[in-house]
Amino acid sequence: TTDWMRTLRMASMGFVFGPMNHYWYYFLGAKFGQSKTMRTVAKKVVSDQLFFGPLVICSFYITASLVEGRGMGDGVDEVKRKFIPTYKADWAVWPAAQVDDKMSQQIIETLAL
């Protein structure tokens, strides 16, 4: 069966993180430019991993705790328990995915010309 309350809680997370992501990537584009060179892509990926990644991880666990009705304290405890393994997984997956995404955009834009 579908857990509609869980679905609603997770959808509400999108309303928090969607705009956050939008403005963060807009900031990175303004800061480092729109170039698709490996140097620019690397700056964006490293900035994302070092600054935004930890913020999103902490925000996710705390926001999830709040929308589940468990309170801020439980969210902070969850961050303490899960931050390091989550951050390691983040580093294992996202840098390669972001580089692939940015470099693929360059190839597509080149082919479209």
N, C-alpha and C. Protein backbone atom coordinates (compact mmCIF):
# COMPACT_ATOMS: atom_id res chain seq x y z
N THR A 1 0.83 -1.19 0.00
CA THR A 1 0.00 0.00 0.00
C THR A 1 0.88 1.25 0.00
N THR A 2 0.30 2.33 -0.42
CA THR A 2 1.02 3.61 -0.47
C THR A 2 0.85 4.33 0.85
N ASP A 3 1.94 4.77 1.40
CA ASP A 3 1.93 5.58 2.63
C ASP A 3 1.85 7.04 2.19
N TRP A 4 0.63 7.56 2.13
CA TRP A 4 0.41 8.91 1.62
C TRP A 4 1.03 9.99 2.51
N MET A 5 1.08 9.77 3.80
CA MET A 5 1.70 10.77 4.69
C MET A 5 3.20 10.83 4.44
N ARG A 6 3.82 9.68 4.25
CA ARG A 6 5.25 9.67 3.94
C ARG A 6 5.50 10.36 2.60
N THR A 7 4.65 10.08 1.62
CA THR A 7 4.77 10.71 0.31
C THR A 7 4.65 12.22 0.43
N LEU A 8 3.68 12.68 1.21
CA LEU A 8 3.49 14.11 1.42
C LEU A 8 4.70 14.74 2.12
N ARG A 9 5.22 14.05 3.13
CA ARG A 9 6.41 14.56 3.84
C ARG A 9 7.60 14.69 2.89
N MET A 10 7.81 13.68 2.07
CA MET A 10 8.94 13.73 1.14
C MET A 10 8.73 14.80 0.07
N ALA A 11 7.51 14.97 -0.38
CA ALA A 11 7.22 16.03 -1.36
C ALA A 11 7.49 17.40 -0.75
N SER A 12 7.16 17.56 0.53
CA SER A 12 7.41 18.84 1.18
C SER A 12 8.90 19.14 1.24
N MET A 13 9.71 18.10 1.30
CA MET A 13 11.16 18.29 1.29
C MET A 13 11.60 18.93 -0.03
N GLY A 14 10.94 18.57 -1.11
CA GLY A 14 11.26 19.16 -2.41
C GLY A 14 11.01 20.66 -2.43
N PHE A 15 10.00 21.11 -1.69
CA PHE A 15 9.72 22.53 -1.62
C PHE A 15 10.81 23.28 -0.87
N VAL A 16 11.52 22.59 0.01
CA VAL A 16 12.64 23.20 0.75
C VAL A 16 13.90 23.15 -0.11
N PHE A 17 14.22 21.97 -0.63
CA PHE A 17 15.51 21.78 -1.29
C PHE A 17 15.53 22.21 -2.75
N GLY A 18 14.40 22.22 -3.42
CA GLY A 18 14.37 22.67 -4.81
C GLY A 18 14.88 24.10 -4.96
N PRO A 19 14.25 25.05 -4.27
CA PRO A 19 14.74 26.44 -4.38
C PRO A 19 16.17 26.61 -3.86
N MET A 20 16.51 25.89 -2.79
CA MET A 20 17.87 25.97 -2.26
C MET A 20 18.89 25.58 -3.33
N ASN A 21 18.64 24.47 -4.00
CA ASN A 21 19.54 24.00 -5.06
C ASN A 21 19.59 25.00 -6.21
N HIS A 22 18.44 25.48 -6.61
CA HIS A 22 18.37 26.43 -7.73
C HIS A 22 19.28 27.63 -7.48
N TYR A 23 19.13 28.24 -6.32
CA TYR A 23 19.90 29.45 -6.05
C TYR A 23 21.37 29.15 -5.80
N TRP A 24 21.68 27.99 -5.25
CA TRP A 24 23.08 27.62 -5.08
C TRP A 24 23.78 27.48 -6.43
N TYR A 25 23.16 26.74 -7.36
CA TYR A 25 23.80 26.54 -8.66
C TYR A 25 23.81 27.82 -9.48
N TYR A 26 22.84 28.66 -9.28
CA TYR A 26 22.85 29.99 -9.90
C TYR A 26 24.05 30.78 -9.38
N PHE A 27 24.29 30.75 -8.06
CA PHE A 27 25.42 31.42 -7.45
C PHE A 27 26.74 30.88 -8.01
N LEU A 28 26.87 29.56 -8.11
CA LEU A 28 28.10 28.98 -8.66
C LEU A 28 28.35 29.44 -10.09
N GLY A 29 27.29 29.52 -10.88
CA GLY A 29 27.42 29.99 -12.26
C GLY A 29 27.87 31.44 -12.31
N ALA A 30 27.31 32.27 -11.41
CA ALA A 30 27.70 33.67 -11.37
C ALA A 30 29.14 33.84 -10.86
N LYS A 31 29.53 33.02 -9.92
CA LYS A 31 30.86 33.11 -9.31
C LYS A 31 31.96 32.61 -10.25
N PHE A 32 31.73 31.47 -10.88
CA PHE A 32 32.77 30.83 -11.69
C PHE A 32 32.54 30.92 -13.19
N GLY A 33 31.41 31.43 -13.60
CA GLY A 33 31.11 31.54 -15.02
C GLY A 33 30.43 30.29 -15.56
N GLN A 34 30.03 30.38 -16.81
CA GLN A 34 29.29 29.28 -17.44
C GLN A 34 30.17 28.39 -18.31
N SER A 35 31.47 28.64 -18.30
CA SER A 35 32.40 27.84 -19.09
C SER A 35 32.30 26.37 -18.69
N LYS A 36 32.46 25.50 -19.67
CA LYS A 36 32.41 24.06 -19.41
C LYS A 36 33.80 23.45 -19.40
N THR A 37 34.83 24.28 -19.22
CA THR A 37 36.18 23.73 -19.15
C THR A 37 36.32 22.90 -17.88
N MET A 38 37.26 21.98 -17.89
CA MET A 38 37.47 21.12 -16.72
C MET A 38 37.83 21.96 -15.49
N ARG A 39 38.56 23.03 -15.67
CA ARG A 39 38.95 23.89 -14.55
C ARG A 39 37.71 24.51 -13.88
N THR A 40 36.81 25.05 -14.69
CA THR A 40 35.60 25.67 -14.15
C THR A 40 34.70 24.61 -13.51
N VAL A 41 34.53 23.50 -14.19
CA VAL A 41 33.71 22.42 -13.65
C VAL A 41 34.29 21.94 -12.32
N ALA A 42 35.60 21.79 -12.23
CA ALA A 42 36.25 21.35 -10.99
C ALA A 42 36.00 22.34 -9.86
N LYS A 43 36.09 23.63 -10.15
CA LYS A 43 35.82 24.65 -9.11
C LYS A 43 34.40 24.53 -8.58
N LYS A 44 33.47 24.34 -9.49
CA LYS A 44 32.06 24.22 -9.08
C LYS A 44 31.83 22.95 -8.26
N VAL A 45 32.40 21.84 -8.70
CA VAL A 45 32.20 20.56 -8.01
C VAL A 45 32.84 20.61 -6.62
N VAL A 46 34.06 21.12 -6.51
CA VAL A 46 34.73 21.19 -5.22
C VAL A 46 33.98 22.13 -4.28
N SER A 47 33.54 23.28 -4.78
CA SER A 47 32.75 24.20 -3.95
C SER A 47 31.47 23.54 -3.47
N ASP A 48 30.82 22.83 -4.37
CA ASP A 48 29.58 22.14 -4.02
C ASP A 48 29.83 21.11 -2.93
N GLN A 49 30.86 20.32 -3.09
CA GLN A 49 31.15 19.25 -2.13
C GLN A 49 31.60 19.79 -0.77
N LEU A 50 32.40 20.85 -0.77
CA LEU A 50 32.94 21.35 0.50
C LEU A 50 31.97 22.24 1.27
N PHE A 51 31.15 23.00 0.55
CA PHE A 51 30.30 23.98 1.23
C PHE A 51 28.82 23.59 1.24
N PHE A 52 28.30 23.26 0.07
CA PHE A 52 26.86 23.01 -0.02
C PHE A 52 26.49 21.60 0.45
N GLY A 53 27.34 20.62 0.14
CA GLY A 53 27.07 19.24 0.55
C GLY A 53 26.80 19.10 2.04
N PRO A 54 27.70 19.58 2.89
CA PRO A 54 27.46 19.47 4.34
C PRO A 54 26.18 20.20 4.79
N LEU A 55 25.92 21.35 4.20
CA LEU A 55 24.70 22.10 4.55
C LEU A 55 23.45 21.29 4.19
N VAL A 56 23.45 20.70 3.00
CA VAL A 56 22.29 19.92 2.56
C VAL A 56 22.09 18.68 3.42
N ILE A 57 23.18 18.02 3.76
CA ILE A 57 23.07 16.81 4.59
C ILE A 57 22.44 17.17 5.94
N CYS A 58 22.96 18.19 6.59
CA CYS A 58 22.42 18.59 7.89
C CYS A 58 20.97 19.05 7.76
N SER A 59 20.71 19.86 6.74
CA SER A 59 19.34 20.36 6.53
C SER A 59 18.37 19.23 6.26
N PHE A 60 18.80 18.24 5.49
CA PHE A 60 17.92 17.12 5.17
C PHE A 60 17.50 16.37 6.42
N TYR A 61 18.46 15.98 7.25
CA TYR A 61 18.12 15.19 8.45
C TYR A 61 17.28 16.00 9.44
N ILE A 62 17.59 17.27 9.60
CA ILE A 62 16.81 18.09 10.53
C ILE A 62 15.41 18.34 9.99
N THR A 63 15.30 18.68 8.70
CA THR A 63 13.98 18.90 8.10
C THR A 63 13.14 17.63 8.13
N ALA A 64 13.74 16.49 7.83
CA ALA A 64 13.01 15.21 7.88
C ALA A 64 12.49 14.96 9.28
N SER A 65 13.31 15.22 10.27
CA SER A 65 12.88 15.02 11.65
C SER A 65 11.70 15.93 12.00
N LEU A 66 11.76 17.16 11.54
CA LEU A 66 10.68 18.11 11.85
C LEU A 66 9.38 17.72 11.16
N VAL A 67 9.44 17.36 9.87
CA VAL A 67 8.19 17.02 9.16
C VAL A 67 7.63 15.68 9.65
N GLU A 68 8.46 14.86 10.26
CA GLU A 68 7.97 13.61 10.84
C GLU A 68 7.48 13.80 12.27
N GLY A 69 7.58 15.04 12.78
CA GLY A 69 7.08 15.34 14.12
C GLY A 69 7.99 14.91 15.25
N ARG A 70 9.26 14.64 14.95
CA ARG A 70 10.18 14.17 15.98
C ARG A 70 10.93 15.29 16.68
N GLY A 71 10.94 16.47 16.09
CA GLY A 71 11.56 17.62 16.74
C GLY A 71 13.01 17.86 16.34
N MET A 72 13.48 19.05 16.67
CA MET A 72 14.82 19.50 16.31
C MET A 72 15.90 18.64 16.97
N GLY A 73 15.71 18.31 18.23
CA GLY A 73 16.72 17.52 18.96
C GLY A 73 16.99 16.18 18.29
N ASP A 74 15.93 15.51 17.86
CA ASP A 74 16.10 14.23 17.17
C ASP A 74 16.84 14.43 15.85
N GLY A 75 16.53 15.54 15.16
CA GLY A 75 17.20 15.83 13.90
C GLY A 75 18.69 16.05 14.11
N VAL A 76 19.04 16.80 15.14
CA VAL A 76 20.45 17.04 15.45
C VAL A 76 21.15 15.73 15.81
N ASP A 77 20.48 14.88 16.60
CA ASP A 77 21.05 13.58 16.94
C ASP A 77 21.27 12.74 15.68
N GLU A 78 20.32 12.81 14.76
CA GLU A 78 20.45 12.04 13.52
C GLU A 78 21.63 12.55 12.69
N VAL A 79 21.82 13.87 12.66
CA VAL A 79 22.98 14.44 11.96
C VAL A 79 24.27 13.89 12.59
N LYS A 80 24.33 13.88 13.91
CA LYS A 80 25.53 13.39 14.60
C LYS A 80 25.82 11.93 14.26
N ARG A 81 24.77 11.12 14.14
CA ARG A 81 24.95 9.70 13.85
C ARG A 81 25.26 9.43 12.38
N LYS A 82 24.64 10.19 11.48
CA LYS A 82 24.67 9.83 10.07
C LYS A 82 25.50 10.74 9.17
N PHE A 83 26.00 11.86 9.71
CA PHE A 83 26.69 12.82 8.83
C PHE A 83 27.89 12.20 8.12
N ILE A 84 28.81 11.59 8.86
CA ILE A 84 30.05 11.08 8.26
C ILE A 84 29.76 10.02 7.20
N PRO A 85 28.95 8.98 7.49
CA PRO A 85 28.70 8.00 6.41
C PRO A 85 27.98 8.63 5.20
N THR A 86 27.08 9.56 5.46
CA THR A 86 26.37 10.20 4.34
C THR A 86 27.33 11.06 3.52
N TYR A 87 28.20 11.79 4.19
CA TYR A 87 29.16 12.65 3.49
C TYR A 87 30.15 11.81 2.67
N LYS A 88 30.56 10.67 3.20
CA LYS A 88 31.44 9.76 2.45
C LYS A 88 30.73 9.26 1.18
N ALA A 89 29.47 8.88 1.33
CA ALA A 89 28.70 8.42 0.17
C ALA A 89 28.53 9.56 -0.84
N ASP A 90 28.32 10.77 -0.33
CA ASP A 90 28.19 11.95 -1.19
C ASP A 90 29.44 12.12 -2.04
N TRP A 91 30.62 12.00 -1.42
CA TRP A 91 31.88 12.13 -2.15
C TRP A 91 32.09 10.98 -3.14
N ALA A 92 31.56 9.81 -2.81
CA ALA A 92 31.75 8.65 -3.68
C ALA A 92 30.92 8.74 -4.96
N VAL A 93 29.79 9.45 -4.89
CA VAL A 93 28.86 9.47 -6.02
C VAL A 93 28.84 10.80 -6.77
N TRP A 94 28.66 11.90 -6.07
CA TRP A 94 28.32 13.15 -6.72
C TRP A 94 29.41 13.84 -7.52
N PRO A 95 30.66 13.84 -7.12
CA PRO A 95 31.65 14.51 -7.98
C PRO A 95 31.69 13.93 -9.40
N ALA A 96 31.71 12.62 -9.51
CA ALA A 96 31.75 11.99 -10.84
C ALA A 96 30.47 12.30 -11.61
N ALA A 97 29.33 12.25 -10.93
CA ALA A 97 28.06 12.55 -11.59
C ALA A 97 28.02 13.99 -12.08
N GLN A 98 28.51 14.92 -11.27
CA GLN A 98 28.50 16.32 -11.67
C GLN A 98 29.45 16.60 -12.82
N VAL A 99 30.64 16.02 -12.77
CA VAL A 99 31.59 16.21 -13.87
C VAL A 99 31.01 15.63 -15.15
N ASP A 100 30.44 14.44 -15.07
CA ASP A 100 29.82 13.82 -16.24
C ASP A 100 28.71 14.70 -16.79
N ASP A 101 27.88 15.24 -15.91
CA ASP A 101 26.78 16.11 -16.33
C ASP A 101 27.30 17.36 -17.03
N LYS A 102 28.26 18.02 -16.43
CA LYS A 102 28.78 19.26 -17.01
C LYS A 102 29.50 19.00 -18.33
N MET A 103 30.28 17.95 -18.40
CA MET A 103 31.01 17.65 -19.63
C MET A 103 30.06 17.16 -20.72
N SER A 104 29.01 16.43 -20.35
CA SER A 104 28.01 16.00 -21.33
C SER A 104 27.29 17.19 -21.92
N GLN A 105 27.01 18.19 -21.09
CA GLN A 105 26.37 19.41 -21.60
C GLN A 105 27.26 20.07 -22.64
N GLN A 106 28.57 20.08 -22.41
CA GLN A 106 29.50 20.68 -23.36
C GLN A 106 29.45 19.93 -24.68
N ILE A 107 29.45 18.61 -24.64
CA ILE A 107 29.42 17.81 -25.86
C ILE A 107 28.12 18.05 -26.62
N ILE A 108 27.00 18.07 -25.90
CA ILE A 108 25.70 18.29 -26.54
C ILE A 108 25.64 19.67 -27.18
N GLU A 109 26.13 20.69 -26.46
CA GLU A 109 26.12 22.05 -27.01
C GLU A 109 27.02 22.15 -28.24
N THR A 110 28.15 21.45 -28.23
CA THR A 110 29.06 21.47 -29.37
C THR A 110 28.41 20.80 -30.58
N LEU A 111 27.75 19.66 -30.35
CA LEU A 111 27.09 18.95 -31.44
C LEU A 111 25.91 19.74 -32.00
N ALA A 112 25.27 20.52 -31.15
CA ALA A 112 24.10 21.29 -31.58
C ALA A 112 24.49 22.46 -32.50
N LEU A 113 25.75 22.87 -32.42
CA LEU A 113 26.19 23.99 -33.28
C LEU A 113 26.31 23.49 -34.68
